[in-house]
Each structure stands twice: as C-alpha cells, then as structure tokens.
Amino acid sequence: MSKLMQLPHSGTRVRPEAPKDDEPKGDYEDQLIGLLARMDHVREGLASAVGARRPALAVNRAVELMKHLTAFASIHFPFAGPEVREALARVTEFQGGVDLLREPSRPDEEEARKAVSRRCFNSLCDAVLAYFTAFTNRFPTSRAARGWVEVAATFAADLKRSVRDPIPLG
C-alpha cells in the first residue's frame, strides 16, 4: 500500500490556470452569439472598406470573417456532415476568388475582375448561410434556436448588403 505524500506548506497559493481565449466558454448559444459579435465587428470593417473603395482591405476583412467562421465550425463540427460539406464547398469557391483577386491585374481585366469580385463575395455570403444552417441544426428544437436564428438572419442580411456592389480590384 502506498502513502500519499504531503508537500510542505510554502505560504503561496497556486492559482488555477486561466482558460485560453480560443477555448469555448458558456453554452452553445452563448458561443454562437460571441462568434456573431466578432464577425459583426469584422463585417463593419468590411463595409467600411467597400464604401471607401479599398479593395485589398475589403478582401482582407472578408478573409478574416471567414477565419472566425471556420475556426468555430472546426471546434463544434469536427466531422463534416452534409451542411458543413456544403459550407466547405462555398469556402473553397470563396478562397479561389480571393486568390485571383490578390494577383496583380492589368487595365484590360477590369470587367473580369468585377465578375470575380462579385462571385467571391457571393460565395462569402453563401458560406456564411451554409454554416449558419449547420449551426442552427445543432439546436434540439426550432424553438430553442429561435433567438439565434433571428440574430443570424439579421447578420446575413447586413453582410449581403455590405458586399452587394462589386469592388473594382485593380
């Protein structure tokens, strides 16, 4: 039989380690609302960049928004079901557009770049909606999801309005 050893009392207390910022806190709905708050802050920066005709900044903000979304999804949906696979397909389209938009352009490509910009930002909105659908389906009932659905729908509409007009990226 073994004995437990008792360490001598040193007069100092050991504090429990504080949780890391990337660890989920609160219940699922609280975490979703926190995600939405971070995303809305980025969306406001995206809207400002679009309004100021700063295409490179708009693309960077869109990428940042997508990173928040995909990081949350990877924590809560480690195994991709049908809704998450749909979202991932839209993320791939978005990333393809971002890659094209970050390439240097020539003056004769303005119309083509507008089309790429439009598709890229539409893919961003589609990915957000697809992820939001997956997030909603995790609620046990539609009644439990009601609060989340209302704020998510408002965010999605605001995002769509923010990126409605393509930005000439030259």
C-alpha atoms as a PDB file:
ATOM      1  CA  MET A   1       0.000   0.000   0.000  1.00  0.00           C
ATOM      2  CA  SER A   2       1.347   3.406  -0.863  1.00  0.00           C
ATOM      3  CA  LYS A   3       1.167   6.559   1.204  1.00  0.00           C
ATOM      4  CA  LEU A   4       0.181   9.949  -0.083  1.00  0.00           C
ATOM      5  CA  MET A   5       2.948  12.481   0.293  1.00  0.00           C
ATOM      6  CA  GLN A   6       2.063  15.885   1.611  1.00  0.00           C
ATOM      7  CA  LEU A   7       4.118  18.781   0.381  1.00  0.00           C
ATOM      8  CA  PRO A   8       5.222  21.314   2.969  1.00  0.00           C
ATOM      9  CA  HIS A   9       3.134  24.472   3.055  1.00  0.00           C
ATOM     10  CA  SER A  10       5.071  27.266   1.395  1.00  0.00           C
ATOM     11  CA  GLY A  11       2.683  30.103   2.105  1.00  0.00           C
ATOM     12  CA  THR A  12       1.910  30.709  -1.571  1.00  0.00           C
ATOM     13  CA  ARG A  13      -1.272  29.651  -3.252  1.00  0.00           C
ATOM     14  CA  VAL A  14      -1.426  28.016  -6.610  1.00  0.00           C
ATOM     15  CA  ARG A  15      -3.935  29.655  -8.906  1.00  0.00           C
ATOM     16  CA  PRO A  16      -5.814  27.603 -11.412  1.00  0.00           C
ATOM     17  CA  GLU A  17      -4.726  28.293 -14.960  1.00  0.00           C
ATOM     18  CA  ALA A  18      -6.958  30.792 -16.757  1.00  0.00           C
ATOM     19  CA  PRO A  19      -8.775  29.379 -19.781  1.00  0.00           C
ATOM     20  CA  LYS A  20      -7.282  30.197 -23.150  1.00  0.00           C
ATOM     21  CA  ASP A  21      -9.170  32.688 -25.276  1.00  0.00           C
ATOM     22  CA  ASP A  22      -9.736  30.122 -28.019  1.00  0.00           C
ATOM     23  CA  GLU A  23     -11.438  27.642 -25.694  1.00  0.00           C
ATOM     24  CA  PRO A  24     -15.218  27.650 -25.858  1.00  0.00           C
ATOM     25  CA  LYS A  25     -16.919  29.340 -22.909  1.00  0.00           C
ATOM     26  CA  GLY A  26     -20.568  29.144 -21.925  1.00  0.00           C
ATOM     27  CA  ASP A  27     -23.252  27.137 -23.599  1.00  0.00           C
ATOM     28  CA  TYR A  28     -23.510  26.645 -27.346  1.00  0.00           C
ATOM     29  CA  GLU A  29     -25.870  29.575 -27.935  1.00  0.00           C
ATOM     30  CA  ASP A  30     -23.623  31.917 -25.927  1.00  0.00           C
ATOM     31  CA  GLN A  31     -20.679  30.801 -28.028  1.00  0.00           C
ATOM     32  CA  LEU A  32     -22.648  31.443 -31.227  1.00  0.00           C
ATOM     33  CA  ILE A  33     -23.574  34.939 -30.079  1.00  0.00           C
ATOM     34  CA  GLY A  34     -19.908  35.589 -29.228  1.00  0.00           C
ATOM     35  CA  LEU A  35     -18.923  34.403 -32.706  1.00  0.00           C
ATOM     36  CA  LEU A  36     -21.514  36.672 -34.246  1.00  0.00           C
ATOM     37  CA  ALA A  37     -20.242  39.658 -32.256  1.00  0.00           C
ATOM     38  CA  ARG A  38     -16.683  39.066 -33.517  1.00  0.00           C
ATOM     39  CA  MET A  39     -17.934  38.571 -37.060  1.00  0.00           C
ATOM     40  CA  ASP A  40     -20.099  41.699 -36.938  1.00  0.00           C
ATOM     41  CA  HIS A  41     -17.105  43.766 -35.900  1.00  0.00           C
ATOM     42  CA  VAL A  42     -15.216  42.449 -38.937  1.00  0.00           C
ATOM     43  CA  ARG A  43     -18.288  42.949 -41.160  1.00  0.00           C
ATOM     44  CA  GLU A  44     -18.373  46.611 -40.181  1.00  0.00           C
ATOM     45  CA  GLY A  45     -14.727  46.921 -41.240  1.00  0.00           C
ATOM     46  CA  LEU A  46     -15.569  45.132 -44.473  1.00  0.00           C
ATOM     47  CA  ALA A  47     -18.466  47.508 -45.151  1.00  0.00           C
ATOM     48  CA  SER A  48     -16.202  50.489 -44.454  1.00  0.00           C
ATOM     49  CA  ALA A  49     -13.540  49.147 -46.821  1.00  0.00           C
ATOM     50  CA  VAL A  50     -16.127  48.586 -49.565  1.00  0.00           C
ATOM     51  CA  GLY A  51     -17.568  52.076 -49.037  1.00  0.00           C
ATOM     52  CA  ALA A  52     -14.099  53.648 -49.119  1.00  0.00           C
ATOM     53  CA  ARG A  53     -13.264  51.717 -52.331  1.00  0.00           C
ATOM     54  CA  ARG A  54     -10.320  49.964 -50.649  1.00  0.00           C
ATOM     55  CA  PRO A  55     -10.481  46.566 -52.345  1.00  0.00           C
ATOM     56  CA  ALA A  56      -7.384  44.996 -50.777  1.00  0.00           C
ATOM     57  CA  LEU A  57      -8.649  45.833 -47.293  1.00  0.00           C
ATOM     58  CA  ALA A  58     -12.118  44.521 -48.168  1.00  0.00           C
ATOM     59  CA  VAL A  59     -10.636  41.196 -49.256  1.00  0.00           C
ATOM     60  CA  ASN A  60      -8.552  41.014 -46.070  1.00  0.00           C
ATOM     61  CA  ARG A  61     -11.640  41.685 -43.924  1.00  0.00           C
ATOM     62  CA  ALA A  62     -13.604  39.036 -45.810  1.00  0.00           C
ATOM     63  CA  VAL A  63     -10.807  36.522 -45.188  1.00  0.00           C
ATOM     64  CA  GLU A  64     -10.755  37.471 -41.506  1.00  0.00           C
ATOM     65  CA  LEU A  65     -14.512  36.981 -41.261  1.00  0.00           C
ATOM     66  CA  MET A  66     -14.205  33.558 -42.888  1.00  0.00           C
ATOM     67  CA  LYS A  67     -11.437  32.579 -40.456  1.00  0.00           C
ATOM     68  CA  HIS A  68     -13.687  33.302 -37.468  1.00  0.00           C
ATOM     69  CA  LEU A  69     -16.419  31.204 -39.014  1.00  0.00           C
ATOM     70  CA  THR A  70     -14.276  28.232 -39.988  1.00  0.00           C
ATOM     71  CA  ALA A  71     -12.456  28.185 -36.642  1.00  0.00           C
ATOM     72  CA  PHE A  72     -15.777  27.975 -34.798  1.00  0.00           C
ATOM     73  CA  ALA A  73     -17.022  25.259 -37.136  1.00  0.00           C
ATOM     74  CA  SER A  74     -13.861  23.190 -36.723  1.00  0.00           C
ATOM     75  CA  ILE A  75     -14.345  23.200 -32.933  1.00  0.00           C
ATOM     76  CA  HIS A  76     -18.040  22.305 -32.958  1.00  0.00           C
ATOM     77  CA  PHE A  77     -18.204  20.194 -36.109  1.00  0.00           C
ATOM     78  CA  PRO A  78     -15.026  18.105 -36.248  1.00  0.00           C
ATOM     79  CA  PHE A  79     -16.821  15.622 -38.529  1.00  0.00           C
ATOM     80  CA  ALA A  80     -18.307  17.292 -41.579  1.00  0.00           C
ATOM     81  CA  GLY A  81     -21.965  16.403 -42.111  1.00  0.00           C
ATOM     82  CA  PRO A  82     -23.893  17.420 -45.241  1.00  0.00           C
ATOM     83  CA  GLU A  83     -24.470  21.021 -44.111  1.00  0.00           C
ATOM     84  CA  VAL A  84     -20.823  21.537 -43.228  1.00  0.00           C
ATOM     85  CA  ARG A  85     -19.702  19.967 -46.513  1.00  0.00           C
ATOM     86  CA  GLU A  86     -21.913  22.477 -48.332  1.00  0.00           C
ATOM     87  CA  ALA A  87     -20.317  25.295 -46.357  1.00  0.00           C
ATOM     88  CA  LEU A  88     -16.837  23.969 -47.096  1.00  0.00           C
ATOM     89  CA  ALA A  89     -17.635  23.935 -50.821  1.00  0.00           C
ATOM     90  CA  ARG A  90     -18.617  27.620 -50.611  1.00  0.00           C
ATOM     91  CA  VAL A  91     -15.428  28.365 -48.637  1.00  0.00           C
ATOM     92  CA  THR A  92     -13.401  26.752 -51.419  1.00  0.00           C
ATOM     93  CA  GLU A  93     -15.144  28.962 -54.010  1.00  0.00           C
ATOM     94  CA  PHE A  94     -14.504  31.990 -51.835  1.00  0.00           C
ATOM     95  CA  GLN A  95     -10.824  31.149 -51.392  1.00  0.00           C
ATOM     96  CA  GLY A  96     -10.414  30.633 -55.140  1.00  0.00           C
ATOM     97  CA  GLY A  97     -11.817  34.121 -55.704  1.00  0.00           C
ATOM     98  CA  VAL A  98      -9.561  35.598 -53.042  1.00  0.00           C
ATOM     99  CA  ASP A  99      -6.520  34.012 -54.670  1.00  0.00           C
ATOM    100  CA  LEU A 100      -7.461  35.509 -58.055  1.00  0.00           C
ATOM    101  CA  LEU A 101      -8.197  38.928 -56.567  1.00  0.00           C
ATOM    102  CA  ARG A 102      -4.841  39.061 -54.835  1.00  0.00           C
ATOM    103  CA  GLU A 103      -2.997  38.600 -58.115  1.00  0.00           C
ATOM    104  CA  PRO A 104      -1.805  41.775 -59.858  1.00  0.00           C
ATOM    105  CA  SER A 105      -4.130  42.906 -62.621  1.00  0.00           C
ATOM    106  CA  ARG A 106      -3.862  44.621 -65.945  1.00  0.00           C
ATOM    107  CA  PRO A 107      -6.073  47.558 -67.000  1.00  0.00           C
ATOM    108  CA  ASP A 108      -7.890  45.448 -69.635  1.00  0.00           C
ATOM    109  CA  GLU A 109      -9.098  42.978 -66.953  1.00  0.00           C
ATOM    110  CA  GLU A 110     -11.390  45.316 -65.024  1.00  0.00           C
ATOM    111  CA  GLU A 111     -14.680  43.666 -66.096  1.00  0.00           C
ATOM    112  CA  ALA A 112     -13.351  40.180 -65.441  1.00  0.00           C
ATOM    113  CA  ARG A 113     -12.114  41.215 -62.007  1.00  0.00           C
ATOM    114  CA  LYS A 114     -15.512  42.732 -61.191  1.00  0.00           C
ATOM    115  CA  ALA A 115     -17.103  39.389 -62.033  1.00  0.00           C
ATOM    116  CA  VAL A 116     -14.569  37.535 -59.873  1.00  0.00           C
ATOM    117  CA  SER A 117     -15.142  40.018 -57.058  1.00  0.00           C
ATOM    118  CA  ARG A 118     -18.910  39.546 -57.295  1.00  0.00           C
ATOM    119  CA  ARG A 119     -18.578  35.727 -57.249  1.00  0.00           C
ATOM    120  CA  CYS A 120     -16.075  35.859 -54.392  1.00  0.00           C
ATOM    121  CA  PHE A 121     -18.275  37.973 -52.138  1.00  0.00           C
ATOM    122  CA  ASN A 122     -21.393  35.992 -53.092  1.00  0.00           C
ATOM    123  CA  SER A 123     -19.506  32.834 -52.087  1.00  0.00           C
ATOM    124  CA  LEU A 124     -18.676  34.503 -48.771  1.00  0.00           C
ATOM    125  CA  CYS A 125     -22.378  35.172 -48.139  1.00  0.00           C
ATOM    126  CA  ASP A 126     -23.321  31.655 -49.258  1.00  0.00           C
ATOM    127  CA  ALA A 127     -20.706  30.122 -46.950  1.00  0.00           C
ATOM    128  CA  VAL A 128     -21.989  32.171 -44.024  1.00  0.00           C
ATOM    129  CA  LEU A 129     -25.551  30.990 -44.703  1.00  0.00           C
ATOM    130  CA  ALA A 130     -24.454  27.364 -45.081  1.00  0.00           C
ATOM    131  CA  TYR A 131     -22.519  27.464 -41.809  1.00  0.00           C
ATOM    132  CA  PHE A 132     -25.402  29.214 -40.060  1.00  0.00           C
ATOM    133  CA  THR A 133     -27.712  26.419 -41.266  1.00  0.00           C
ATOM    134  CA  ALA A 134     -25.357  23.827 -39.800  1.00  0.00           C
ATOM    135  CA  PHE A 135     -25.102  25.782 -36.552  1.00  0.00           C
ATOM    136  CA  THR A 136     -28.892  26.049 -36.341  1.00  0.00           C
ATOM    137  CA  ASN A 137     -29.376  22.325 -36.904  1.00  0.00           C
ATOM    138  CA  ARG A 138     -27.384  21.602 -33.779  1.00  0.00           C
ATOM    139  CA  PHE A 139     -30.156  23.040 -31.594  1.00  0.00           C
ATOM    140  CA  PRO A 140     -32.506  20.401 -30.182  1.00  0.00           C
ATOM    141  CA  THR A 141     -35.683  22.189 -31.350  1.00  0.00           C
ATOM    142  CA  SER A 142     -36.642  25.069 -33.591  1.00  0.00           C
ATOM    143  CA  ARG A 143     -37.988  26.855 -30.524  1.00  0.00           C
ATOM    144  CA  ALA A 144     -34.566  26.615 -28.852  1.00  0.00           C
ATOM    145  CA  ALA A 145     -32.936  28.018 -31.999  1.00  0.00           C
ATOM    146  CA  ARG A 146     -35.288  30.973 -32.399  1.00  0.00           C
ATOM    147  CA  GLY A 147     -33.073  33.631 -30.774  1.00  0.00           C
ATOM    148  CA  TRP A 148     -30.018  32.514 -32.708  1.00  0.00           C
ATOM    149  CA  VAL A 149     -31.947  32.366 -35.989  1.00  0.00           C
ATOM    150  CA  GLU A 150     -33.188  35.930 -35.591  1.00  0.00           C
ATOM    151  CA  VAL A 151     -29.753  37.463 -34.977  1.00  0.00           C
ATOM    152  CA  ALA A 152     -28.090  35.227 -37.581  1.00  0.00           C
ATOM    153  CA  ALA A 153     -30.623  36.271 -40.224  1.00  0.00           C
ATOM    154  CA  THR A 154     -30.018  39.926 -39.423  1.00  0.00           C
ATOM    155  CA  PHE A 155     -26.259  39.431 -39.687  1.00  0.00           C
ATOM    156  CA  ALA A 156     -26.573  37.574 -43.011  1.00  0.00           C
ATOM    157  CA  ALA A 157     -28.773  40.343 -44.451  1.00  0.00           C
ATOM    158  CA  ASP A 158     -26.355  43.041 -43.268  1.00  0.00           C
ATOM    159  CA  LEU A 159     -23.412  41.139 -44.759  1.00  0.00           C
ATOM    160  CA  LYS A 160     -25.178  40.737 -48.102  1.00  0.00           C
ATOM    161  CA  ARG A 161     -25.992  44.451 -48.116  1.00  0.00           C
ATOM    162  CA  SER A 162     -22.363  45.303 -47.214  1.00  0.00           C
ATOM    163  CA  VAL A 163     -20.912  43.481 -50.220  1.00  0.00           C
ATOM    164  CA  ARG A 164     -23.756  43.990 -52.699  1.00  0.00           C
ATOM    165  CA  ASP A 165     -21.730  46.072 -55.147  1.00  0.00           C
ATOM    166  CA  PRO A 166     -18.557  44.527 -56.539  1.00  0.00           C
ATOM    167  CA  ILE A 167     -15.385  46.452 -55.934  1.00  0.00           C
ATOM    168  CA  PRO A 168     -13.181  47.070 -58.963  1.00  0.00           C
ATOM    169  CA  LEU A 169      -9.967  45.437 -57.889  1.00  0.00           C
ATOM    170  CA  GLY A 170      -7.070  46.753 -59.827  1.00  0.00           C
END
